[in-house]
Amino acid sequence: MEILPFLLMPFLASLILTGIHAYLGVHVVERGVIFVDLALAQIAALGATVAILMGMDPHGTGAYWLGLAFTFLGAAIFSLLRVRHARIPQEAIIGIAYAVASAAAILAMSKATGETEHLKDMLVGNILAVSGREVGKTALLYGAIGLFHFVFRKKFLLISINPRTAEAQGISTRLWDFLFYASFGFVVTSSVAIAGVLLVFCYLIVPSVGAMLFADRIGRRLVVGWTMGTLVSALGVYFSVELDLPTGATIVCTFGGVLAFMFLLHFLLQRHRAAGEDRQEASEVKTTTPSDR
């Protein structure tokens, strides 16, 4: 009970991350660009690293806006490269962008003496150190982005699920792609500063993948994803404090363990359902009369 006040801010931050990332993850999975969050997060981290080289405070306003500028550049590139019949898959470009941004961040950090610890923070984060002010600012920003997506939800969902229909209706897919990735960039830049690249990726992808195992409709996926993210956040933060482990890495591993359990549960339910159908078919065959045949 003594650690509960200490865990309050990290848990609230985790809930905020879960709320926005579980929703964005639905779009990412439908688009098939699984690593776009990881790539944009690493690009944002590269911007923050460049800010350090320029003498800025890594947690200051200048570093944030420079990271956001880098993220917008990545968003513009990804939206322009989305072509229906492209010879090179968009996911390949995203993977290359992630690898180059990661290598560039390492090279830049090698020139920033005494700041190597910041590179570790960008990867795994330090969500336990989040303050109430940071939580409040992040909640307001994500609330505004959530409202933006709610107002234009039909266009965003249509472009993610059925881009051909969107084009047939005269919707500019590149424009709305850029708006999607740009709003995504706001989320990623803020999230990386709080939770790190790896945890941000998990909040985006893992709840959406877990939800797809048990739900087909978007609304139900969101409910499952939000529930999973909330429970995993609470468990991960608790395990981190109780076992004295790095918070970000602990939550990531907790996500992995819970997802593995969900896969096992889905497999057992599928087998049980298949066995029930087999028994029903066998029963129907036994009760069929010769005249029915």
Protein backbone atom coordinates (compact mmCIF):
# COMPACT_ATOMS: atom_id res chain seq x y z
CA MET A 1 0.00 0.00 0.00
CA GLU A 2 2.93 2.36 0.62
CA ILE A 3 3.95 2.32 -3.05
CA LEU A 4 0.49 3.20 -4.41
CA PRO A 5 0.97 7.01 -4.26
CA PHE A 6 4.32 6.58 -6.00
CA LEU A 7 2.68 4.57 -8.79
CA LEU A 8 -0.24 6.95 -9.37
CA MET A 9 1.38 9.26 -11.97
CA PRO A 10 3.06 6.44 -13.94
CA PHE A 11 -0.23 4.54 -14.01
CA LEU A 12 -2.17 7.59 -15.21
CA ALA A 13 0.44 8.14 -17.92
CA SER A 14 0.05 4.50 -18.93
CA LEU A 15 -3.72 4.90 -19.19
CA ILE A 16 -3.30 7.95 -21.44
CA LEU A 17 -0.85 6.07 -23.65
CA THR A 18 -3.22 3.11 -23.82
CA GLY A 19 -6.18 5.26 -24.81
CA ILE A 20 -4.63 6.92 -27.87
CA HIS A 21 -2.26 4.16 -29.00
CA ALA A 22 -4.83 1.35 -28.91
CA TYR A 23 -6.99 3.42 -31.26
CA LEU A 24 -4.14 4.33 -33.60
CA GLY A 25 -3.03 0.71 -33.54
CA VAL A 26 -6.30 -0.33 -35.18
CA HIS A 27 -5.44 1.89 -38.16
CA VAL A 28 -1.84 0.71 -38.29
CA VAL A 29 -2.81 -2.97 -38.31
CA GLU A 30 -5.48 -2.41 -40.96
CA ARG A 31 -3.00 -0.51 -43.14
CA GLY A 32 -0.39 -3.22 -42.74
CA VAL A 33 2.32 -0.74 -41.69
CA ILE A 34 3.13 -2.40 -38.40
CA PHE A 35 6.47 -0.71 -37.83
CA VAL A 36 5.43 2.85 -38.68
CA ASP A 37 5.12 3.73 -34.99
CA LEU A 38 8.57 2.32 -34.28
CA ALA A 39 10.04 4.23 -37.22
CA LEU A 40 8.38 7.56 -36.33
CA ALA A 41 9.34 7.11 -32.70
CA GLN A 42 12.96 6.53 -33.66
CA ILE A 43 12.89 9.53 -36.00
CA ALA A 44 11.56 11.66 -33.13
CA ALA A 45 14.36 10.29 -30.93
CA LEU A 46 16.87 11.25 -33.62
CA GLY A 47 15.52 14.81 -33.56
CA ALA A 48 15.93 14.91 -29.78
CA THR A 49 19.50 13.62 -30.15
CA VAL A 50 20.32 16.36 -32.65
CA ALA A 51 18.88 18.85 -30.16
CA ILE A 52 21.36 17.59 -27.55
CA LEU A 53 24.23 18.12 -29.99
CA MET A 54 22.99 21.68 -30.47
CA GLY A 55 23.25 22.25 -26.71
CA MET A 56 19.53 22.04 -25.93
CA ASP A 57 18.01 20.48 -22.85
CA PRO A 58 16.87 16.96 -23.90
CA HIS A 59 13.66 17.47 -21.91
CA GLY A 60 13.14 21.09 -22.95
CA THR A 61 10.75 22.75 -25.39
CA GLY A 62 13.39 23.18 -28.12
CA ALA A 63 14.21 19.47 -28.17
CA TYR A 64 10.51 18.61 -28.33
CA TRP A 65 9.82 20.85 -31.34
CA LEU A 66 12.92 19.67 -33.16
CA GLY A 67 11.87 16.06 -32.61
CA LEU A 68 8.40 16.94 -33.85
CA ALA A 69 9.87 18.57 -36.98
CA PHE A 70 11.81 15.38 -37.73
CA THR A 71 8.62 13.37 -37.21
CA PHE A 72 6.64 15.58 -39.61
CA LEU A 73 9.34 15.02 -42.23
CA GLY A 74 8.96 11.26 -41.77
CA ALA A 75 5.16 11.60 -41.95
CA ALA A 76 5.41 13.48 -45.24
CA ILE A 77 7.70 10.82 -46.71
CA PHE A 78 5.47 7.92 -45.63
CA SER A 79 2.30 9.57 -46.98
CA LEU A 80 3.92 10.35 -50.35
CA LEU A 81 5.29 6.82 -50.73
CA ARG A 82 1.93 5.12 -50.26
CA VAL A 83 1.16 3.89 -53.78
CA ARG A 84 -1.30 1.10 -54.47
CA HIS A 85 0.78 -0.71 -57.10
CA ALA A 86 4.25 0.28 -55.90
CA ARG A 87 7.04 -2.18 -56.69
CA ILE A 88 8.56 -1.60 -53.24
CA PRO A 89 6.25 -2.28 -50.25
CA GLN A 90 5.73 0.69 -47.95
CA GLU A 91 6.70 -1.48 -44.98
CA ALA A 92 10.18 -1.90 -46.51
CA ILE A 93 10.61 1.87 -46.68
CA ILE A 94 9.43 2.19 -43.09
CA GLY A 95 11.92 -0.47 -41.96
CA ILE A 96 14.76 1.29 -43.75
CA ALA A 97 13.76 4.61 -42.18
CA TYR A 98 13.84 3.00 -38.72
CA ALA A 99 17.26 1.43 -39.27
CA VAL A 100 18.80 4.63 -40.63
CA ALA A 101 17.27 6.80 -37.88
CA SER A 102 18.55 4.37 -35.23
CA ALA A 103 22.06 4.34 -36.66
CA ALA A 104 22.07 8.12 -37.04
CA ALA A 105 20.96 8.55 -33.42
CA ILE A 106 23.82 6.29 -32.25
CA LEU A 107 26.34 8.24 -34.34
CA ALA A 108 25.04 11.55 -33.05
CA MET A 109 25.05 10.34 -29.45
CA SER A 110 28.67 9.19 -29.82
CA LYS A 111 29.59 12.85 -30.22
CA ALA A 112 27.55 13.98 -27.23
CA THR A 113 29.86 13.15 -24.35
CA GLY A 114 28.14 12.41 -21.08
CA GLU A 115 24.71 11.96 -22.70
CA THR A 116 24.82 8.25 -23.53
CA GLU A 117 22.27 7.57 -20.79
CA HIS A 118 19.77 9.61 -22.79
CA LEU A 119 19.96 7.08 -25.64
CA LYS A 120 18.92 4.34 -23.21
CA ASP A 121 16.04 6.51 -21.97
CA MET A 122 14.83 6.99 -25.54
CA LEU A 123 14.73 3.22 -26.04
CA VAL A 124 13.16 2.01 -22.79
CA GLY A 125 12.00 5.28 -21.22
CA ASN A 126 11.56 6.07 -17.54
CA ILE A 127 7.84 6.31 -17.02
CA LEU A 128 8.25 6.16 -13.23
CA ALA A 129 9.79 9.62 -13.33
CA VAL A 130 6.79 11.24 -15.08
CA SER A 131 5.38 14.27 -13.26
CA GLY A 132 1.80 15.39 -12.79
CA ARG A 133 2.43 18.38 -15.08
CA GLU A 134 3.65 16.09 -17.87
CA VAL A 135 0.62 13.85 -17.43
CA GLY A 136 -1.73 16.85 -17.63
CA LYS A 137 -0.08 18.30 -20.75
CA THR A 138 -0.06 14.91 -22.45
CA ALA A 139 -3.72 14.31 -21.60
CA LEU A 140 -4.72 17.66 -23.16
CA LEU A 141 -2.67 17.02 -26.31
CA TYR A 142 -3.96 13.48 -26.79
CA GLY A 143 -7.50 14.63 -26.04
CA ALA A 144 -7.26 17.20 -28.85
CA ILE A 145 -5.86 14.60 -31.26
CA GLY A 146 -8.54 12.12 -30.20
CA LEU A 147 -11.22 14.74 -30.89
CA PHE A 148 -9.70 15.42 -34.32
CA HIS A 149 -9.82 11.72 -35.17
CA PHE A 150 -13.35 11.40 -33.82
CA VAL A 151 -14.63 14.25 -36.01
CA PHE A 152 -13.04 12.77 -39.14
CA ARG A 153 -13.27 9.11 -38.09
CA LYS A 154 -15.21 8.00 -41.18
CA LYS A 155 -12.55 9.26 -43.57
CA PHE A 156 -9.66 7.89 -41.52
CA LEU A 157 -11.29 4.46 -41.15
CA LEU A 158 -12.29 4.30 -44.81
CA ILE A 159 -8.76 5.12 -45.98
CA SER A 160 -7.27 2.57 -43.58
CA ILE A 161 -9.73 -0.25 -44.33
CA ASN A 162 -10.75 0.37 -47.94
CA PRO A 163 -8.55 2.96 -49.72
CA ARG A 164 -10.00 2.11 -53.15
CA THR A 165 -13.49 3.09 -52.04
CA ALA A 166 -12.07 6.28 -50.53
CA GLU A 167 -10.46 7.20 -53.85
CA ALA A 168 -13.67 6.38 -55.73
CA GLN A 169 -15.50 8.83 -53.44
CA GLY A 170 -13.02 11.57 -54.36
CA ILE A 171 -11.15 11.59 -51.05
CA SER A 172 -7.51 12.65 -51.34
CA THR A 173 -5.76 9.67 -49.77
CA ARG A 174 -2.36 11.35 -49.72
CA LEU A 175 -3.69 14.43 -47.95
CA TRP A 176 -5.52 12.38 -45.32
CA ASP A 177 -2.57 10.03 -45.03
CA PHE A 178 -0.37 13.00 -44.19
CA LEU A 179 -2.91 14.28 -41.64
CA PHE A 180 -3.01 10.81 -40.10
CA TYR A 181 0.78 10.50 -39.89
CA ALA A 182 1.16 14.11 -38.72
CA SER A 183 -1.27 13.61 -35.84
CA PHE A 184 0.49 10.32 -35.23
CA GLY A 185 3.74 12.29 -35.04
CA PHE A 186 2.39 14.52 -32.26
CA VAL A 187 1.49 11.43 -30.26
CA VAL A 188 4.77 9.63 -30.90
CA THR A 189 6.99 12.62 -30.09
CA SER A 190 5.26 13.11 -26.75
CA SER A 191 5.09 9.40 -25.98
CA VAL A 192 8.78 8.77 -26.63
CA ALA A 193 9.72 11.48 -24.15
CA ILE A 194 7.65 9.72 -21.48
CA ALA A 195 7.89 6.01 -22.23
CA GLY A 196 10.66 5.39 -24.79
CA VAL A 197 10.60 3.84 -28.26
CA LEU A 198 10.04 0.19 -27.31
CA LEU A 199 7.16 0.82 -24.93
CA VAL A 200 5.45 3.17 -27.39
CA PHE A 201 5.60 0.43 -30.02
CA CYS A 202 4.07 -2.10 -27.62
CA TYR A 203 1.22 0.23 -26.66
CA LEU A 204 0.42 0.68 -30.34
CA ILE A 205 0.63 -2.87 -31.66
CA VAL A 206 0.13 -5.41 -28.86
CA PRO A 207 -3.38 -4.36 -27.69
CA SER A 208 -4.58 -4.25 -31.31
CA VAL A 209 -3.16 -7.70 -32.09
CA GLY A 210 -4.62 -9.13 -28.90
CA ALA A 211 -8.01 -7.58 -29.68
CA MET A 212 -8.03 -9.11 -33.17
CA LEU A 213 -7.98 -12.56 -31.59
CA PHE A 214 -11.37 -12.04 -29.94
CA ALA A 215 -13.15 -9.29 -31.89
CA ASP A 216 -13.91 -8.48 -35.52
CA ARG A 217 -15.61 -5.10 -35.21
CA ILE A 218 -13.66 -1.91 -34.59
CA GLY A 219 -15.65 -0.95 -31.48
CA ARG A 220 -15.10 -4.31 -29.81
CA ARG A 221 -11.41 -4.27 -30.72
CA LEU A 222 -11.05 -0.93 -28.99
CA VAL A 223 -12.76 -2.22 -25.84
CA VAL A 224 -10.50 -5.30 -25.70
CA GLY A 225 -7.40 -3.25 -26.52
CA TRP A 226 -8.12 -0.60 -23.89
CA THR A 227 -8.86 -3.26 -21.26
CA MET A 228 -5.68 -5.16 -22.07
CA GLY A 229 -3.54 -2.01 -22.04
CA THR A 230 -4.96 -0.88 -18.70
CA LEU A 231 -4.39 -4.23 -16.98
CA VAL A 232 -0.90 -4.70 -18.43
CA SER A 233 0.10 -1.15 -17.46
CA ALA A 234 -0.96 -1.75 -13.86
CA LEU A 235 0.85 -5.09 -13.69
CA GLY A 236 3.98 -3.81 -15.40
CA VAL A 237 4.36 -0.76 -13.19
CA TYR A 238 3.73 -2.86 -10.07
CA PHE A 239 6.26 -5.54 -11.08
CA SER A 240 8.82 -2.84 -11.86
CA VAL A 241 8.62 -1.33 -8.38
CA GLU A 242 8.22 -4.62 -6.52
CA LEU A 243 11.14 -6.35 -8.29
CA ASP A 244 13.28 -3.21 -8.74
CA LEU A 245 13.39 -3.49 -12.53
CA PRO A 246 13.45 -0.86 -15.33
CA THR A 247 9.85 0.21 -15.80
CA GLY A 248 9.66 0.45 -19.58
CA ALA A 249 11.32 -2.92 -20.19
CA THR A 250 9.13 -4.53 -17.50
CA ILE A 251 5.91 -3.30 -19.12
CA VAL A 252 7.15 -4.46 -22.56
CA CYS A 253 7.84 -7.98 -21.21
CA THR A 254 4.48 -7.99 -19.42
CA PHE A 255 2.79 -7.14 -22.71
CA GLY A 256 4.59 -10.07 -24.31
CA GLY A 257 3.57 -12.49 -21.56
CA VAL A 258 -0.08 -11.40 -21.59
CA LEU A 259 -0.23 -11.61 -25.40
CA ALA A 260 1.21 -15.14 -25.28
CA PHE A 261 -1.49 -16.08 -22.76
CA MET A 262 -4.16 -14.59 -25.04
CA PHE A 263 -2.86 -16.61 -27.99
CA LEU A 264 -3.00 -19.78 -25.86
CA LEU A 265 -6.52 -18.95 -24.68
CA HIS A 266 -7.65 -18.27 -28.26
CA PHE A 267 -6.13 -21.58 -29.39
CA LEU A 268 -7.91 -23.53 -26.63
CA LEU A 269 -11.24 -21.81 -27.36
CA GLN A 270 -10.88 -22.59 -31.07
CA ARG A 271 -10.17 -26.26 -30.31
CA HIS A 272 -13.11 -26.43 -27.91
CA ARG A 273 -15.39 -24.86 -30.51
CA ALA A 274 -14.16 -27.21 -33.24
CA ALA A 275 -14.64 -30.23 -30.96
CA GLY A 276 -18.19 -29.08 -30.17
CA GLU A 277 -19.00 -28.74 -33.88
CA ASP A 278 -17.60 -32.22 -34.55
CA ARG A 279 -19.73 -33.71 -31.78
CA GLN A 280 -22.81 -31.95 -33.12
CA GLU A 281 -22.19 -33.25 -36.63
CA ALA A 282 -21.65 -36.77 -35.30
CA SER A 283 -24.87 -36.55 -33.31
CA GLU A 284 -26.80 -35.41 -36.37
CA VAL A 285 -25.41 -38.29 -38.42
CA LYS A 286 -26.42 -40.85 -35.76
CA THR A 287 -29.97 -39.52 -35.48
CA THR A 288 -30.54 -39.41 -39.25
CA THR A 289 -32.97 -42.12 -40.39
CA PRO A 290 -32.44 -44.18 -43.58
CA SER A 291 -35.38 -42.41 -45.23
CA ASP A 292 -33.77 -39.05 -44.48
CA ARG A 293 -30.65 -40.18 -46.25
